[in-house]
N, C-alpha and C. Protein backbone atom coordinates (compact mmCIF):
# COMPACT_ATOMS: atom_id res chain seq x y z
N MET A 1 0.84 -1.18 0.00
CA MET A 1 0.00 0.00 0.00
C MET A 1 0.88 1.23 0.00
N GLN A 2 0.45 2.21 -0.74
CA GLN A 2 1.22 3.45 -0.83
C GLN A 2 0.31 4.64 -0.61
N PHE A 3 0.82 5.59 0.18
CA PHE A 3 0.11 6.83 0.45
C PHE A 3 1.05 7.97 0.10
N THR A 4 0.52 8.98 -0.58
CA THR A 4 1.34 10.14 -0.93
C THR A 4 0.55 11.41 -0.64
N SER A 5 1.30 12.46 -0.33
CA SER A 5 0.69 13.76 -0.10
C SER A 5 1.73 14.84 -0.34
N SER A 6 1.27 16.00 -0.75
CA SER A 6 2.17 17.11 -1.03
C SER A 6 1.51 18.40 -0.52
N GLU A 7 2.32 19.24 0.12
CA GLU A 7 1.83 20.51 0.64
C GLU A 7 2.86 21.59 0.37
N GLU A 8 2.38 22.81 0.18
CA GLU A 8 3.28 23.96 0.06
C GLU A 8 3.27 24.72 1.37
N ILE A 9 4.48 25.09 1.82
CA ILE A 9 4.64 25.72 3.13
C ILE A 9 5.31 27.08 2.95
N GLU A 10 4.77 28.09 3.61
CA GLU A 10 5.35 29.44 3.59
C GLU A 10 6.50 29.51 4.59
N ALA A 11 7.62 28.90 4.23
CA ALA A 11 8.83 28.93 5.06
C ALA A 11 10.00 28.49 4.19
N PRO A 12 11.20 28.96 4.49
CA PRO A 12 12.38 28.54 3.72
C PRO A 12 12.65 27.04 3.89
N ILE A 13 13.28 26.45 2.90
CA ILE A 13 13.54 25.02 2.90
C ILE A 13 14.35 24.58 4.13
N GLU A 14 15.29 25.42 4.57
CA GLU A 14 16.12 25.06 5.73
C GLU A 14 15.27 24.95 7.00
N ALA A 15 14.31 25.86 7.15
CA ALA A 15 13.44 25.84 8.33
C ALA A 15 12.55 24.60 8.32
N VAL A 16 12.05 24.24 7.15
CA VAL A 16 11.20 23.05 7.04
C VAL A 16 12.04 21.81 7.31
N PHE A 17 13.26 21.76 6.79
CA PHE A 17 14.12 20.60 7.04
C PHE A 17 14.40 20.46 8.54
N ASP A 18 14.64 21.59 9.21
CA ASP A 18 14.85 21.53 10.67
C ASP A 18 13.64 20.93 11.37
N GLU A 19 12.45 21.25 10.91
CA GLU A 19 11.23 20.72 11.53
C GLU A 19 11.07 19.22 11.28
N ILE A 20 11.37 18.75 10.06
CA ILE A 20 11.18 17.32 9.79
C ILE A 20 12.27 16.46 10.44
N THR A 21 13.34 17.11 10.89
CA THR A 21 14.39 16.34 11.58
C THR A 21 14.41 16.62 13.08
N GLU A 22 13.32 17.14 13.61
CA GLU A 22 13.18 17.37 15.06
C GLU A 22 12.66 16.07 15.68
N PHE A 23 13.55 15.07 15.72
CA PHE A 23 13.15 13.72 16.11
C PHE A 23 12.72 13.61 17.57
N THR A 24 13.28 14.44 18.45
CA THR A 24 12.86 14.37 19.85
C THR A 24 11.40 14.77 20.00
N ALA A 25 10.94 15.71 19.19
CA ALA A 25 9.52 16.11 19.24
C ALA A 25 8.63 14.96 18.77
N PHE A 26 9.05 14.23 17.74
CA PHE A 26 8.27 13.08 17.27
C PHE A 26 8.25 11.97 18.32
N GLU A 27 9.38 11.79 19.03
CA GLU A 27 9.43 10.79 20.10
C GLU A 27 8.44 11.16 21.21
N ARG A 28 8.44 12.42 21.61
CA ARG A 28 7.51 12.87 22.65
C ARG A 28 6.06 12.68 22.22
N SER A 29 5.77 12.98 20.98
CA SER A 29 4.42 12.83 20.45
C SER A 29 3.97 11.37 20.50
N ALA A 30 4.85 10.46 20.13
CA ALA A 30 4.51 9.03 20.18
C ALA A 30 4.29 8.57 21.62
N ARG A 31 5.10 9.07 22.54
CA ARG A 31 4.95 8.70 23.96
C ARG A 31 3.61 9.22 24.51
N ARG A 32 3.22 10.43 24.10
CA ARG A 32 1.92 10.97 24.54
C ARG A 32 0.77 10.10 24.05
N ARG A 33 0.96 9.43 22.94
CA ARG A 33 -0.08 8.55 22.39
C ARG A 33 0.00 7.13 22.95
N GLY A 34 0.89 6.91 23.92
CA GLY A 34 0.96 5.62 24.59
C GLY A 34 2.03 4.67 24.10
N ALA A 35 2.87 5.08 23.18
CA ALA A 35 3.93 4.21 22.67
C ALA A 35 5.16 4.29 23.57
N GLU A 36 5.90 3.20 23.63
CA GLU A 36 7.21 3.20 24.28
C GLU A 36 8.23 3.37 23.15
N VAL A 37 9.07 4.37 23.25
CA VAL A 37 10.05 4.65 22.20
C VAL A 37 11.43 4.77 22.84
N ARG A 38 12.41 4.06 22.27
CA ARG A 38 13.78 4.22 22.75
C ARG A 38 14.73 4.27 21.56
N ARG A 39 15.76 5.08 21.71
CA ARG A 39 16.78 5.19 20.67
C ARG A 39 17.64 3.94 20.67
N THR A 40 18.07 3.52 19.50
CA THR A 40 18.93 2.33 19.38
C THR A 40 20.31 2.68 18.85
N ASP A 41 20.62 3.97 18.78
CA ASP A 41 21.92 4.40 18.28
C ASP A 41 22.59 5.29 19.31
N THR A 42 23.81 5.69 19.02
CA THR A 42 24.55 6.56 19.93
C THR A 42 24.93 7.88 19.28
N LEU A 43 24.29 8.23 18.18
CA LEU A 43 24.61 9.48 17.48
C LEU A 43 24.16 10.67 18.33
N THR A 44 24.92 11.75 18.27
CA THR A 44 24.57 12.95 19.03
C THR A 44 23.72 13.92 18.23
N GLY A 45 23.77 13.83 16.91
CA GLY A 45 22.97 14.71 16.07
C GLY A 45 22.27 13.91 14.99
N PRO A 46 21.35 14.53 14.27
CA PRO A 46 20.64 13.82 13.21
C PRO A 46 21.60 13.34 12.12
N GLY A 47 21.40 12.12 11.66
CA GLY A 47 22.22 11.58 10.59
C GLY A 47 21.87 10.14 10.29
N VAL A 48 22.37 9.66 9.15
CA VAL A 48 22.13 8.27 8.76
C VAL A 48 22.65 7.36 9.86
N GLY A 49 21.87 6.37 10.21
CA GLY A 49 22.23 5.45 11.28
C GLY A 49 21.41 5.64 12.54
N MET A 50 20.66 6.76 12.62
CA MET A 50 19.78 6.94 13.77
C MET A 50 18.75 5.83 13.75
N GLY A 51 18.36 5.36 14.94
CA GLY A 51 17.37 4.30 14.98
C GLY A 51 16.54 4.34 16.25
N TRP A 52 15.37 3.75 16.18
CA TRP A 52 14.45 3.69 17.30
C TRP A 52 13.79 2.32 17.34
N HIS A 53 13.42 1.91 18.54
CA HIS A 53 12.59 0.72 18.73
C HIS A 53 11.32 1.20 19.41
N ALA A 54 10.18 0.90 18.83
CA ALA A 54 8.91 1.37 19.37
C ALA A 54 8.00 0.18 19.67
N ARG A 55 7.26 0.29 20.78
CA ARG A 55 6.24 -0.69 21.16
C ARG A 55 4.95 0.07 21.40
N PHE A 56 3.85 -0.43 20.85
CA PHE A 56 2.57 0.23 21.01
C PHE A 56 1.45 -0.79 20.78
N THR A 57 0.28 -0.44 21.24
CA THR A 57 -0.87 -1.30 21.04
C THR A 57 -1.66 -0.79 19.85
N LEU A 58 -1.94 -1.69 18.91
CA LEU A 58 -2.71 -1.36 17.72
C LEU A 58 -3.69 -2.48 17.46
N ARG A 59 -4.96 -2.12 17.37
CA ARG A 59 -6.02 -3.09 17.13
C ARG A 59 -6.01 -4.20 18.18
N GLY A 60 -5.76 -3.79 19.43
CA GLY A 60 -5.83 -4.72 20.54
C GLY A 60 -4.62 -5.62 20.75
N ARG A 61 -3.57 -5.44 19.96
CA ARG A 61 -2.39 -6.27 20.10
C ARG A 61 -1.14 -5.41 20.24
N LEU A 62 -0.19 -5.93 21.01
CA LEU A 62 1.09 -5.23 21.19
C LEU A 62 1.91 -5.39 19.91
N ARG A 63 2.37 -4.29 19.38
CA ARG A 63 3.19 -4.30 18.15
C ARG A 63 4.55 -3.73 18.48
N GLU A 64 5.56 -4.23 17.78
CA GLU A 64 6.92 -3.71 17.92
C GLU A 64 7.45 -3.41 16.54
N VAL A 65 8.16 -2.29 16.43
CA VAL A 65 8.71 -1.89 15.14
C VAL A 65 10.07 -1.25 15.35
N ASP A 66 10.99 -1.54 14.45
CA ASP A 66 12.30 -0.90 14.44
C ASP A 66 12.33 0.09 13.29
N ILE A 67 12.82 1.29 13.58
CA ILE A 67 12.84 2.37 12.59
C ILE A 67 14.28 2.85 12.45
N ALA A 68 14.70 3.08 11.20
CA ALA A 68 16.06 3.55 10.95
C ALA A 68 16.05 4.69 9.94
N LEU A 69 16.88 5.69 10.20
CA LEU A 69 17.06 6.80 9.26
C LEU A 69 18.10 6.34 8.23
N VAL A 70 17.67 6.18 6.97
CA VAL A 70 18.57 5.65 5.94
C VAL A 70 19.02 6.70 4.94
N ARG A 71 18.37 7.88 4.94
CA ARG A 71 18.82 8.98 4.08
C ARG A 71 18.61 10.27 4.85
N HIS A 72 19.68 11.06 4.90
CA HIS A 72 19.65 12.36 5.56
C HIS A 72 20.37 13.31 4.63
N ASP A 73 19.59 14.05 3.84
CA ASP A 73 20.15 14.87 2.77
C ASP A 73 19.73 16.32 2.96
N PRO A 74 20.41 17.05 3.89
CA PRO A 74 20.04 18.44 4.15
C PRO A 74 20.22 19.30 2.92
N PRO A 75 19.35 20.17 2.59
CA PRO A 75 18.01 20.38 3.14
C PRO A 75 16.93 19.74 2.26
N HIS A 76 17.29 18.69 1.52
CA HIS A 76 16.37 18.15 0.51
C HIS A 76 15.45 17.04 1.00
N GLY A 77 15.77 16.38 2.11
CA GLY A 77 14.83 15.39 2.61
C GLY A 77 15.47 14.27 3.40
N ILE A 78 14.61 13.36 3.84
CA ILE A 78 15.04 12.20 4.62
C ILE A 78 14.23 10.98 4.18
N THR A 79 14.75 9.81 4.52
CA THR A 79 14.03 8.55 4.30
C THR A 79 14.18 7.70 5.55
N LEU A 80 13.06 7.16 6.02
CA LEU A 80 13.04 6.28 7.18
C LEU A 80 12.53 4.91 6.75
N ASP A 81 13.22 3.85 7.19
CA ASP A 81 12.76 2.48 6.98
C ASP A 81 12.25 1.93 8.29
N ALA A 82 11.16 1.18 8.22
CA ALA A 82 10.59 0.57 9.42
C ALA A 82 10.36 -0.91 9.13
N GLY A 83 10.52 -1.71 10.16
CA GLY A 83 10.30 -3.14 9.99
C GLY A 83 9.77 -3.78 11.25
N SER A 84 8.91 -4.75 11.06
CA SER A 84 8.40 -5.58 12.15
C SER A 84 8.40 -7.00 11.62
N PRO A 85 8.07 -7.97 12.45
CA PRO A 85 8.06 -9.34 11.94
C PRO A 85 7.09 -9.56 10.77
N ALA A 86 6.01 -8.77 10.69
CA ALA A 86 4.99 -9.00 9.67
C ALA A 86 5.03 -8.05 8.49
N ILE A 87 5.46 -6.79 8.70
CA ILE A 87 5.41 -5.80 7.62
C ILE A 87 6.68 -4.98 7.56
N THR A 88 6.90 -4.34 6.42
CA THR A 88 7.98 -3.38 6.26
C THR A 88 7.36 -2.07 5.77
N GLY A 89 8.06 -0.99 6.02
CA GLY A 89 7.57 0.30 5.58
C GLY A 89 8.71 1.23 5.26
N ARG A 90 8.44 2.18 4.41
CA ARG A 90 9.41 3.22 4.06
C ARG A 90 8.67 4.53 3.93
N MET A 91 9.20 5.56 4.61
CA MET A 91 8.64 6.89 4.48
C MET A 91 9.72 7.81 3.91
N ARG A 92 9.40 8.41 2.80
CA ARG A 92 10.33 9.32 2.14
C ARG A 92 9.71 10.72 2.21
N VAL A 93 10.49 11.67 2.73
CA VAL A 93 10.05 13.06 2.82
C VAL A 93 11.01 13.88 1.97
N ASP A 94 10.47 14.51 0.93
CA ASP A 94 11.28 15.32 0.03
C ASP A 94 10.85 16.77 0.11
N LEU A 95 11.84 17.66 0.06
CA LEU A 95 11.59 19.10 0.10
C LEU A 95 12.14 19.74 -1.17
N VAL A 96 11.36 20.68 -1.73
CA VAL A 96 11.79 21.42 -2.91
C VAL A 96 11.55 22.90 -2.63
N ALA A 97 12.59 23.69 -2.81
CA ALA A 97 12.47 25.14 -2.62
C ALA A 97 11.77 25.73 -3.85
N LEU A 98 10.58 26.29 -3.63
CA LEU A 98 9.85 26.92 -4.72
C LEU A 98 10.26 28.38 -4.88
N SER A 99 10.67 28.99 -3.76
CA SER A 99 11.20 30.35 -3.73
C SER A 99 11.99 30.43 -2.42
N PRO A 100 12.64 31.56 -2.16
CA PRO A 100 13.39 31.65 -0.89
C PRO A 100 12.52 31.52 0.36
N THR A 101 11.21 31.75 0.22
CA THR A 101 10.34 31.69 1.40
C THR A 101 9.20 30.67 1.25
N ARG A 102 9.28 29.81 0.26
CA ARG A 102 8.21 28.83 0.03
C ARG A 102 8.83 27.47 -0.31
N THR A 103 8.29 26.42 0.32
CA THR A 103 8.84 25.07 0.16
C THR A 103 7.72 24.07 -0.10
N ARG A 104 7.97 23.15 -1.00
CA ARG A 104 7.01 22.05 -1.22
C ARG A 104 7.48 20.84 -0.42
N LEU A 105 6.58 20.30 0.39
CA LEU A 105 6.81 19.11 1.20
C LEU A 105 6.07 17.96 0.53
N ALA A 106 6.79 16.91 0.17
CA ALA A 106 6.17 15.72 -0.45
C ALA A 106 6.49 14.52 0.44
N VAL A 107 5.44 13.81 0.86
CA VAL A 107 5.59 12.65 1.74
C VAL A 107 5.05 11.43 1.02
N ASP A 108 5.86 10.37 1.01
CA ASP A 108 5.48 9.11 0.38
C ASP A 108 5.66 7.99 1.40
N LEU A 109 4.60 7.29 1.73
CA LEU A 109 4.64 6.19 2.69
C LEU A 109 4.24 4.91 1.99
N THR A 110 5.10 3.89 2.06
CA THR A 110 4.84 2.60 1.45
C THR A 110 4.90 1.54 2.54
N VAL A 111 3.88 0.69 2.59
CA VAL A 111 3.81 -0.40 3.56
C VAL A 111 3.58 -1.69 2.78
N ALA A 112 4.36 -2.74 3.12
CA ALA A 112 4.24 -4.01 2.41
C ALA A 112 4.32 -5.18 3.40
N PRO A 113 3.60 -6.26 3.11
CA PRO A 113 3.67 -7.42 4.00
C PRO A 113 4.94 -8.22 3.76
N LYS A 114 5.41 -8.91 4.82
CA LYS A 114 6.57 -9.79 4.68
C LYS A 114 6.14 -11.23 4.37
N GLY A 115 4.96 -11.59 4.80
CA GLY A 115 4.48 -12.95 4.58
C GLY A 115 2.99 -13.01 4.81
N LEU A 116 2.50 -14.20 5.10
CA LEU A 116 1.07 -14.39 5.28
C LEU A 116 0.52 -13.56 6.44
N ALA A 117 1.23 -13.52 7.56
CA ALA A 117 0.77 -12.74 8.71
C ALA A 117 0.64 -11.25 8.34
N GLY A 118 1.58 -10.76 7.57
CA GLY A 118 1.52 -9.37 7.13
C GLY A 118 0.37 -9.11 6.18
N ARG A 119 0.10 -10.06 5.31
CA ARG A 119 -1.03 -9.92 4.38
C ARG A 119 -2.35 -9.87 5.15
N VAL A 120 -2.46 -10.73 6.17
CA VAL A 120 -3.67 -10.75 6.99
C VAL A 120 -3.82 -9.43 7.73
N MET A 121 -2.70 -8.87 8.21
CA MET A 121 -2.75 -7.61 8.94
C MET A 121 -3.14 -6.44 8.03
N LEU A 122 -2.67 -6.46 6.78
CA LEU A 122 -2.91 -5.33 5.87
C LEU A 122 -4.25 -5.43 5.14
N GLN A 123 -4.85 -6.62 5.07
CA GLN A 123 -6.08 -6.78 4.31
C GLN A 123 -7.20 -5.83 4.75
N PRO A 124 -7.49 -5.72 6.07
CA PRO A 124 -8.55 -4.77 6.46
C PRO A 124 -8.20 -3.33 6.09
N LEU A 125 -6.90 -3.00 6.08
CA LEU A 125 -6.50 -1.63 5.72
C LEU A 125 -6.78 -1.35 4.25
N LYS A 126 -6.64 -2.38 3.41
CA LYS A 126 -6.93 -2.19 1.99
C LYS A 126 -8.40 -1.85 1.77
N LEU A 127 -9.26 -2.43 2.61
CA LEU A 127 -10.68 -2.15 2.50
C LEU A 127 -11.01 -0.72 2.93
N MET A 128 -10.17 -0.15 3.80
CA MET A 128 -10.38 1.22 4.30
C MET A 128 -9.46 2.21 3.60
N ARG A 129 -8.94 1.85 2.45
CA ARG A 129 -7.92 2.65 1.79
C ARG A 129 -8.32 4.11 1.58
N GLY A 130 -9.54 4.35 1.12
CA GLY A 130 -9.99 5.73 0.88
C GLY A 130 -9.97 6.56 2.16
N ASN A 131 -10.47 6.00 3.24
CA ASN A 131 -10.49 6.69 4.53
C ASN A 131 -9.06 6.93 5.03
N LEU A 132 -8.20 5.92 4.89
CA LEU A 132 -6.81 6.07 5.35
C LEU A 132 -6.06 7.11 4.53
N THR A 133 -6.31 7.13 3.22
CA THR A 133 -5.66 8.12 2.36
C THR A 133 -6.07 9.53 2.77
N ARG A 134 -7.36 9.72 3.03
CA ARG A 134 -7.85 11.03 3.46
C ARG A 134 -7.22 11.44 4.78
N ARG A 135 -7.15 10.52 5.75
CA ARG A 135 -6.55 10.82 7.05
C ARG A 135 -5.06 11.11 6.93
N PHE A 136 -4.36 10.38 6.07
CA PHE A 136 -2.93 10.62 5.85
C PHE A 136 -2.71 12.02 5.30
N ARG A 137 -3.50 12.41 4.31
CA ARG A 137 -3.35 13.74 3.71
C ARG A 137 -3.69 14.84 4.71
N LEU A 138 -4.69 14.61 5.56
CA LEU A 138 -5.01 15.58 6.59
C LEU A 138 -3.87 15.75 7.59
N ARG A 139 -3.24 14.63 7.97
CA ARG A 139 -2.10 14.70 8.90
C ARG A 139 -0.94 15.50 8.30
N VAL A 140 -0.64 15.25 7.04
CA VAL A 140 0.44 15.99 6.38
C VAL A 140 0.08 17.47 6.29
N ALA A 141 -1.17 17.76 5.96
CA ALA A 141 -1.60 19.17 5.88
C ALA A 141 -1.52 19.83 7.25
N ASP A 142 -1.91 19.13 8.31
CA ASP A 142 -1.81 19.68 9.67
C ASP A 142 -0.35 19.94 10.04
N PHE A 143 0.53 19.01 9.68
CA PHE A 143 1.95 19.19 9.97
C PHE A 143 2.48 20.42 9.23
N ALA A 144 2.10 20.58 7.97
CA ALA A 144 2.55 21.73 7.19
C ALA A 144 2.07 23.04 7.81
N THR A 145 0.83 23.06 8.26
CA THR A 145 0.29 24.25 8.92
C THR A 145 1.05 24.56 10.20
N ASP A 146 1.35 23.52 10.99
CA ASP A 146 2.11 23.71 12.23
C ASP A 146 3.50 24.27 11.94
N VAL A 147 4.15 23.76 10.90
CA VAL A 147 5.49 24.25 10.54
C VAL A 147 5.41 25.72 10.17
N GLU A 148 4.42 26.09 9.36
CA GLU A 148 4.24 27.50 8.97
C GLU A 148 4.04 28.38 10.19
N GLU A 149 3.17 27.95 11.11
CA GLU A 149 2.88 28.76 12.29
C GLU A 149 4.11 28.91 13.19
N ARG A 150 4.86 27.82 13.38
CA ARG A 150 6.08 27.91 14.20
C ARG A 150 7.11 28.82 13.56
N PHE A 151 7.23 28.76 12.21
CA PHE A 151 8.18 29.63 11.53
C PHE A 151 7.76 31.09 11.67
N LYS A 152 6.48 31.39 11.47
CA LYS A 152 6.00 32.77 11.57
C LYS A 152 6.16 33.34 12.97
N SER A 153 6.03 32.48 13.98
CA SER A 153 6.15 32.95 15.36
C SER A 153 7.61 33.26 15.72
N ARG A 154 8.55 32.64 15.00
CA ARG A 154 9.98 32.90 15.25
C ARG A 154 10.49 34.13 14.52
N VAL A 155 9.83 34.50 13.44
CA VAL A 155 10.30 35.61 12.60
C VAL A 155 9.83 36.93 13.15
């Protein structure tokens, strides 16, 4: 399954890149939603090789996923790979400077099963694809709005 979304943000590309690589904020957000998140690397700053192990409850079952930063290309984007025993995922975030004060954010999320258990897990999601696509695009749009507001409040 693949989900894509694109938004234009009234902020310079460097400011948007700083926001998408604010990993401690994403960790806090996941913890507020009930997930256990721990770093699996020893890097002091953002870069390829960063990793996390997350545990959370989804659809009544405890899930575990390992996430790794596999591309860190300032200020053009990042790529994260995720894996669990049943599914794999990749999220690619690309940034394009449209002008010195405007940036296009493009997010591509791909999820694939590893075997029969993964297929069983993803089958109900395929039936809800339209709803999930709408929710994904709303989340990206909300993130873009938040980035714009934080940038405007700093300027």
